[in-house]
N, C-alpha and C. Protein backbone atom coordinates (compact mmCIF):
# COMPACT_ATOMS: atom_id res chain seq x y z
N UNK A 1 -166.86 78.02 -100.37
CA UNK A 1 -165.58 78.41 -100.77
C UNK A 1 -165.84 78.82 -102.23
N UNK A 2 -163.93 79.33 -101.61
CA UNK A 2 -164.17 80.28 -103.24
C UNK A 2 -163.11 78.74 -104.07
N UNK A 3 -163.40 79.76 -105.10
CA UNK A 3 -163.12 78.79 -106.37
C UNK A 3 -161.34 78.62 -106.93
N UNK A 4 -160.83 79.04 -105.62
CA UNK A 4 -159.21 78.85 -105.20
C UNK A 4 -159.34 77.59 -104.97
N UNK A 5 -159.79 77.85 -104.06
CA UNK A 5 -160.17 77.08 -102.50
C UNK A 5 -160.11 74.54 -103.06
N UNK A 6 -161.55 75.53 -104.20
CA UNK A 6 -162.30 74.24 -105.00
C UNK A 6 -161.51 74.05 -105.77
N UNK A 7 -160.54 74.30 -106.30
CA UNK A 7 -159.82 73.47 -107.75
C UNK A 7 -158.56 73.29 -106.76
N UNK A 8 -157.73 73.58 -106.05
CA UNK A 8 -157.20 72.87 -104.97
C UNK A 8 -157.11 71.89 -104.14
N UNK A 9 -158.72 72.05 -103.77
CA UNK A 9 -158.93 70.56 -103.01
C UNK A 9 -158.91 69.55 -104.62
N UNK A 10 -159.45 69.98 -105.65
CA UNK A 10 -160.24 68.96 -106.62
C UNK A 10 -158.55 68.01 -107.53
N UNK A 11 -157.26 68.81 -107.51
CA UNK A 11 -156.39 68.87 -107.39
C UNK A 11 -155.85 67.61 -106.38
N UNK A 12 -155.91 67.50 -105.78
CA UNK A 12 -155.39 66.70 -104.49
C UNK A 12 -156.27 65.43 -104.29
N UNK A 13 -157.24 65.73 -104.45
CA UNK A 13 -158.15 64.66 -104.86
C UNK A 13 -157.93 63.71 -105.60
N UNK A 14 -157.73 64.77 -107.59
CA UNK A 14 -157.03 63.55 -108.40
C UNK A 14 -155.59 62.97 -108.19
N UNK A 15 -155.20 63.40 -107.30
CA UNK A 15 -153.95 63.46 -107.02
C UNK A 15 -153.73 61.80 -106.44
N UNK A 16 -154.90 61.43 -105.09
CA UNK A 16 -154.50 60.55 -104.11
C UNK A 16 -155.62 59.72 -104.80
N UNK A 17 -156.89 60.17 -106.29
CA UNK A 17 -157.30 58.67 -106.53
C UNK A 17 -155.95 58.13 -107.19
N UNK A 18 -155.13 58.49 -108.19
CA UNK A 18 -154.60 58.48 -108.91
C UNK A 18 -153.42 57.56 -108.78
N UNK A 19 -153.21 58.19 -106.66
CA UNK A 19 -152.21 57.40 -106.54
C UNK A 19 -152.79 56.04 -105.19
N UNK A 20 -153.84 55.40 -105.97
CA UNK A 20 -153.96 54.57 -104.78
C UNK A 20 -154.36 53.48 -105.81
N UNK A 21 -154.19 53.83 -106.88
CA UNK A 21 -154.41 53.05 -107.79
C UNK A 21 -152.55 51.52 -108.72
N UNK A 22 -152.57 52.55 -107.70
CA UNK A 22 -150.70 52.10 -108.27
C UNK A 22 -150.45 50.79 -107.82
N UNK A 23 -151.12 50.21 -106.56
CA UNK A 23 -150.64 48.91 -105.94
C UNK A 23 -151.66 48.26 -106.21
N UNK A 24 -153.00 48.49 -107.09
CA UNK A 24 -153.69 47.83 -107.89
C UNK A 24 -153.02 46.00 -107.92
N UNK A 25 -154.54 45.27 -107.84
CA UNK A 25 -153.30 43.96 -107.88
C UNK A 25 -155.16 42.69 -108.42
N UNK A 26 -154.39 42.56 -109.93
CA UNK A 26 -155.52 42.07 -110.72
C UNK A 26 -155.12 40.42 -110.87
N UNK A 27 -156.09 39.27 -109.90
CA UNK A 27 -156.12 38.29 -110.30
C UNK A 27 -156.95 37.73 -111.61
N UNK A 28 -155.66 36.45 -112.15
CA UNK A 28 -156.58 35.43 -113.33
C UNK A 28 -155.79 34.08 -112.99
N UNK A 29 -157.54 33.14 -113.38
CA UNK A 29 -157.45 31.80 -113.19
C UNK A 29 -157.93 31.77 -111.36
N UNK A 30 -156.83 31.00 -111.24
CA UNK A 30 -157.16 29.71 -110.16
C UNK A 30 -156.27 31.40 -108.87
N UNK A 31 -157.01 31.20 -107.17
CA UNK A 31 -156.28 31.67 -106.26
C UNK A 31 -154.90 31.24 -105.79
N UNK A 32 -154.04 31.66 -106.00
CA UNK A 32 -152.48 31.46 -104.90
C UNK A 32 -152.76 31.17 -104.30
N UNK A 33 -152.51 29.76 -104.40
CA UNK A 33 -152.37 28.19 -102.84
C UNK A 33 -150.97 28.79 -101.45
N UNK A 34 -149.53 28.50 -102.74
CA UNK A 34 -148.24 29.39 -102.13
C UNK A 34 -147.99 30.31 -102.20
N UNK A 35 -147.65 30.34 -100.85
CA UNK A 35 -146.13 31.47 -101.45
C UNK A 35 -144.79 31.47 -101.25
N UNK A 36 -144.76 30.33 -101.14
CA UNK A 36 -143.06 30.02 -101.53
C UNK A 36 -142.25 30.44 -102.32
N UNK A 37 -142.37 31.13 -103.08
CA UNK A 37 -141.72 32.16 -104.48
C UNK A 37 -140.30 30.79 -104.38
N UNK A 38 -139.99 30.70 -105.42
CA UNK A 38 -138.86 29.11 -106.62
C UNK A 38 -138.27 30.98 -107.71
N UNK A 39 -136.60 30.98 -106.92
CA UNK A 39 -136.89 31.62 -107.97
C UNK A 39 -136.51 31.57 -109.27
N UNK A 40 -136.63 32.48 -110.85
CA UNK A 40 -137.36 31.30 -111.47
C UNK A 40 -135.33 30.31 -112.30
N UNK A 41 -134.12 31.78 -111.93
CA UNK A 41 -132.93 30.81 -112.07
C UNK A 41 -132.59 30.17 -111.81
N UNK A 42 -133.02 29.40 -110.94
CA UNK A 42 -133.24 28.40 -110.30
C UNK A 42 -133.59 26.60 -110.60
N UNK A 43 -134.92 27.32 -110.90
CA UNK A 43 -136.08 26.71 -112.67
C UNK A 43 -134.94 26.58 -113.72
N UNK A 44 -134.58 27.16 -114.20
CA UNK A 44 -134.18 27.14 -115.00
C UNK A 44 -132.94 26.49 -115.40
N UNK A 45 -131.88 26.53 -114.53
CA UNK A 45 -130.36 26.58 -114.60
C UNK A 45 -131.36 24.55 -114.50
N UNK A 46 -131.75 24.24 -113.51
CA UNK A 46 -132.29 23.12 -112.72
C UNK A 46 -133.18 22.51 -113.56
N UNK A 47 -134.41 22.75 -114.55
CA UNK A 47 -135.50 22.29 -115.12
C UNK A 47 -136.06 20.83 -114.46
N UNK A 48 -134.65 19.81 -115.04
CA UNK A 48 -135.46 17.73 -114.30
C UNK A 48 -135.35 18.36 -113.07
N UNK A 49 -135.23 19.07 -111.86
CA UNK A 49 -135.44 19.06 -110.71
C UNK A 49 -136.75 19.15 -110.66
N UNK A 50 -137.31 20.34 -111.02
CA UNK A 50 -138.62 21.08 -111.07
C UNK A 50 -139.80 20.72 -112.12
N UNK A 51 -139.09 19.47 -113.29
CA UNK A 51 -140.15 18.69 -113.61
C UNK A 51 -141.36 18.10 -113.21
N UNK A 52 -142.39 19.02 -113.52
CA UNK A 52 -143.99 17.87 -112.83
C UNK A 52 -144.02 18.64 -111.38
N UNK A 53 -143.18 19.12 -110.57
CA UNK A 53 -144.13 19.87 -109.24
C UNK A 53 -144.07 21.21 -109.73
N UNK A 54 -145.70 21.74 -109.26
CA UNK A 54 -145.96 22.74 -109.31
C UNK A 54 -144.83 24.39 -107.71
N UNK A 55 -145.06 25.03 -108.16
CA UNK A 55 -144.36 26.00 -107.76
C UNK A 55 -144.66 27.41 -107.93
N UNK A 56 -144.33 28.48 -107.65
CA UNK A 56 -144.82 30.07 -107.31
C UNK A 56 -143.87 30.41 -107.44
N UNK A 57 -143.56 30.65 -108.85
CA UNK A 57 -142.31 31.88 -108.87
C UNK A 57 -142.89 33.88 -108.89
N UNK A 58 -142.18 34.62 -109.18
CA UNK A 58 -142.58 35.97 -109.43
C UNK A 58 -141.13 36.37 -110.47
N UNK A 59 -142.03 36.94 -110.99
CA UNK A 59 -141.38 38.69 -111.98
C UNK A 59 -141.46 39.57 -112.81
N UNK A 60 -141.16 39.35 -114.38
CA UNK A 60 -142.21 41.07 -114.96
C UNK A 60 -142.31 39.92 -116.01
N UNK A 61 -143.40 40.96 -116.79
CA UNK A 61 -144.40 39.85 -118.03
C UNK A 61 -142.79 40.54 -118.55
N UNK A 62 -142.62 40.13 -119.73
CA UNK A 62 -141.95 40.55 -120.61
C UNK A 62 -142.96 40.61 -122.09
N UNK A 63 -143.00 39.07 -122.26
CA UNK A 63 -143.71 39.68 -123.58
C UNK A 63 -145.21 38.43 -123.88
N UNK A 64 -146.16 39.32 -124.48
CA UNK A 64 -147.85 37.65 -124.52
C UNK A 64 -148.14 38.56 -125.12
N UNK A 65 -148.42 36.94 -125.29
CA UNK A 65 -149.57 36.91 -127.46
C UNK A 65 -150.63 37.53 -126.84
N UNK A 66 -150.38 38.00 -128.68
CA UNK A 66 -152.00 38.76 -128.99
C UNK A 66 -153.52 38.13 -128.20
N UNK A 67 -153.83 36.89 -128.12
CA UNK A 67 -154.91 36.80 -127.25
C UNK A 67 -154.00 36.02 -125.66
N UNK A 68 -153.67 37.02 -125.23
CA UNK A 68 -153.25 36.54 -123.94
C UNK A 68 -153.19 35.43 -123.05
N UNK A 69 -152.85 33.97 -124.07
CA UNK A 69 -152.99 32.47 -123.35
C UNK A 69 -151.51 32.38 -123.28
N UNK A 70 -150.61 33.32 -123.57
CA UNK A 70 -149.73 32.98 -122.79
C UNK A 70 -148.34 33.80 -123.12
N UNK A 71 -147.15 33.61 -122.04
CA UNK A 71 -146.68 35.08 -122.02
C UNK A 71 -144.95 34.53 -121.20
N UNK A 72 -144.20 35.65 -121.79
CA UNK A 72 -142.89 34.63 -120.88
C UNK A 72 -142.24 36.06 -119.66
N UNK A 73 -142.37 35.09 -118.08
CA UNK A 73 -141.43 35.25 -117.09
C UNK A 73 -140.87 35.12 -117.12
N UNK A 74 -140.08 37.32 -116.90
CA UNK A 74 -138.38 37.32 -116.81
C UNK A 74 -138.28 37.52 -115.22
N UNK A 75 -136.61 37.02 -114.85
CA UNK A 75 -136.75 37.18 -113.45
C UNK A 75 -134.93 37.60 -113.79
N UNK A 76 -134.12 38.20 -113.27
CA UNK A 76 -132.46 38.28 -113.43
C UNK A 76 -131.65 37.82 -114.42
N UNK A 77 -132.76 37.59 -115.51
CA UNK A 77 -132.19 36.80 -116.63
C UNK A 77 -132.93 35.80 -116.89
N UNK A 78 -133.13 35.43 -116.28
CA UNK A 78 -133.99 34.21 -116.48
C UNK A 78 -135.41 34.35 -116.93
N UNK A 79 -135.92 33.21 -118.06
CA UNK A 79 -136.89 33.61 -118.35
C UNK A 79 -138.09 32.30 -119.00
N UNK A 80 -138.93 32.32 -118.53
CA UNK A 80 -139.99 30.89 -118.62
C UNK A 80 -141.12 31.59 -120.04
N UNK A 81 -141.44 30.50 -120.47
CA UNK A 81 -143.00 30.13 -120.75
C UNK A 81 -144.46 29.95 -120.31
N UNK A 82 -144.53 30.70 -119.90
CA UNK A 82 -145.88 30.97 -119.72
C UNK A 82 -146.94 30.17 -119.62
N UNK A 83 -148.10 29.25 -120.34
CA UNK A 83 -149.00 28.25 -120.85
C UNK A 83 -149.96 28.69 -119.80
N UNK A 84 -151.05 29.69 -120.20
CA UNK A 84 -152.12 29.92 -119.91
C UNK A 84 -153.86 29.09 -120.47
N UNK A 85 -153.43 28.69 -121.81
CA UNK A 85 -155.29 28.24 -122.02
C UNK A 85 -155.41 26.89 -121.93
N UNK A 86 -154.23 26.08 -120.77
CA UNK A 86 -154.96 24.93 -120.45
C UNK A 86 -155.75 24.61 -119.45
N UNK A 87 -155.46 26.29 -118.99
CA UNK A 87 -155.95 26.34 -117.57
C UNK A 87 -157.19 27.38 -118.06
N UNK A 88 -157.93 27.51 -119.45
CA UNK A 88 -159.22 27.69 -119.64
C UNK A 88 -159.45 29.66 -119.23
N UNK A 89 -157.94 30.54 -118.59
CA UNK A 89 -157.46 31.33 -118.79
C UNK A 89 -156.94 32.67 -119.45
N UNK A 90 -157.15 34.01 -119.68
CA UNK A 90 -155.90 34.51 -120.41
C UNK A 90 -155.94 35.85 -120.10
N UNK A 91 -154.50 36.99 -120.49
CA UNK A 91 -154.73 37.72 -119.12
C UNK A 91 -154.54 39.09 -120.19
N UNK A 92 -154.83 40.11 -119.88
CA UNK A 92 -154.36 41.28 -120.72
C UNK A 92 -153.10 41.73 -121.71
N UNK A 93 -152.81 42.23 -121.60
CA UNK A 93 -151.35 43.08 -122.21
C UNK A 93 -151.22 43.58 -120.99
N UNK A 94 -150.38 43.08 -120.21
CA UNK A 94 -149.52 43.73 -119.71
C UNK A 94 -148.27 43.94 -119.37
N UNK A 95 -146.90 44.33 -120.73
CA UNK A 95 -145.69 43.83 -120.61
C UNK A 95 -145.32 45.43 -119.52
N UNK A 96 -144.26 44.56 -119.01
CA UNK A 96 -143.24 45.71 -118.12
C UNK A 96 -144.53 45.01 -117.08
N UNK A 97 -145.42 44.71 -116.15
CA UNK A 97 -145.94 44.44 -114.87
C UNK A 97 -145.21 43.41 -114.73
N UNK A 98 -145.00 43.76 -112.91
CA UNK A 98 -144.83 42.37 -111.74
C UNK A 98 -146.03 41.34 -111.90
N UNK A 99 -146.00 39.93 -112.13
CA UNK A 99 -146.11 39.38 -111.89
C UNK A 99 -145.82 38.04 -110.71
N UNK A 100 -147.00 37.19 -110.59
CA UNK A 100 -147.46 36.31 -110.02
C UNK A 100 -147.86 35.16 -109.64
N UNK A 101 -146.72 34.45 -110.36
CA UNK A 101 -147.51 32.57 -110.93
C UNK A 101 -146.96 31.49 -110.70
N UNK A 102 -148.64 31.18 -110.29
CA UNK A 102 -148.37 29.15 -109.72
C UNK A 102 -148.72 28.38 -110.41
N UNK A 103 -148.01 27.40 -110.63
CA UNK A 103 -148.34 26.53 -111.92
C UNK A 103 -147.06 25.37 -111.98
N UNK A 104 -147.27 24.52 -113.35
CA UNK A 104 -146.92 23.05 -112.88
C UNK A 104 -145.32 23.31 -114.44
N UNK A 105 -145.23 22.69 -113.59
CA UNK A 105 -143.40 22.90 -114.50
C UNK A 105 -142.91 21.99 -115.54
N UNK A 106 -142.96 21.83 -116.78
CA UNK A 106 -142.78 20.71 -117.52
C UNK A 106 -141.53 20.86 -118.57
N UNK A 107 -141.16 19.83 -119.41
CA UNK A 107 -140.31 20.07 -120.39
C UNK A 107 -141.05 18.98 -121.61
N UNK A 108 -140.70 19.72 -122.73
CA UNK A 108 -142.02 19.57 -123.84
C UNK A 108 -140.94 19.81 -125.52
N UNK A 109 -140.89 18.82 -124.95
CA UNK A 109 -139.76 18.87 -126.44
C UNK A 109 -139.05 19.33 -126.46
N UNK A 110 -138.16 19.98 -125.23
CA UNK A 110 -136.33 20.16 -125.00
C UNK A 110 -136.69 21.86 -124.53
N UNK A 111 -138.56 22.38 -124.14
CA UNK A 111 -138.69 23.52 -123.74
C UNK A 111 -139.06 23.42 -122.21
N UNK A 112 -139.08 24.70 -121.70
CA UNK A 112 -139.19 24.42 -120.29
C UNK A 112 -140.28 25.45 -119.88
N UNK A 113 -141.70 25.39 -120.00
CA UNK A 113 -142.74 25.78 -119.71
C UNK A 113 -143.66 25.22 -117.85
N UNK A 114 -144.01 26.43 -118.05
CA UNK A 114 -145.22 26.89 -116.19
C UNK A 114 -146.25 27.18 -117.19
N UNK A 115 -146.47 25.97 -116.81
CA UNK A 115 -148.39 26.04 -117.09
C UNK A 115 -149.67 26.15 -115.90
N UNK A 116 -149.90 27.33 -115.93
CA UNK A 116 -150.01 28.79 -114.53
C UNK A 116 -151.38 27.46 -114.49
N UNK A 117 -151.90 27.97 -112.95
CA UNK A 117 -152.95 27.77 -112.77
C UNK A 117 -153.21 29.07 -112.16
N UNK A 118 -152.92 30.42 -111.42
CA UNK A 118 -153.25 31.35 -111.74
C UNK A 118 -151.67 32.21 -111.86
N UNK A 119 -152.73 33.48 -111.47
CA UNK A 119 -151.46 34.99 -112.28
C UNK A 119 -152.27 35.67 -111.71
N UNK A 120 -151.22 36.91 -110.30
CA UNK A 120 -151.76 38.26 -110.24
C UNK A 120 -150.59 39.06 -110.40
N UNK A 121 -151.83 40.35 -111.09
CA UNK A 121 -150.25 41.20 -111.98
C UNK A 121 -150.40 42.61 -111.02
N UNK A 122 -149.82 42.85 -110.24
CA UNK A 122 -149.60 44.33 -110.05
C UNK A 122 -149.32 44.59 -110.90
């Protein structure tokens, strides 16, 4: 095989390798058990309806603390503070990535909190 064909083949393999990582799923904490997604907007608008309940939500990571023990999750303008510390895990800096989170909703000192037990990041 000549050098030109080898370079073309290497380029094709590099593109395929890079593209295959685009859908990579990272998981933290426990496995998410429910795929019944609750809209963040519904939780933010009616927090009392969800207080004490376990939910699964989706959104984009907007802000992550330096140690990864909490982050803000946003979807459609609704934002929820997501606390990981009580469950004993953290995430790396993943601002801008899509996440699915399962956890318990609470209202603490007037602040809406999602205490996550599991997080999936794409």
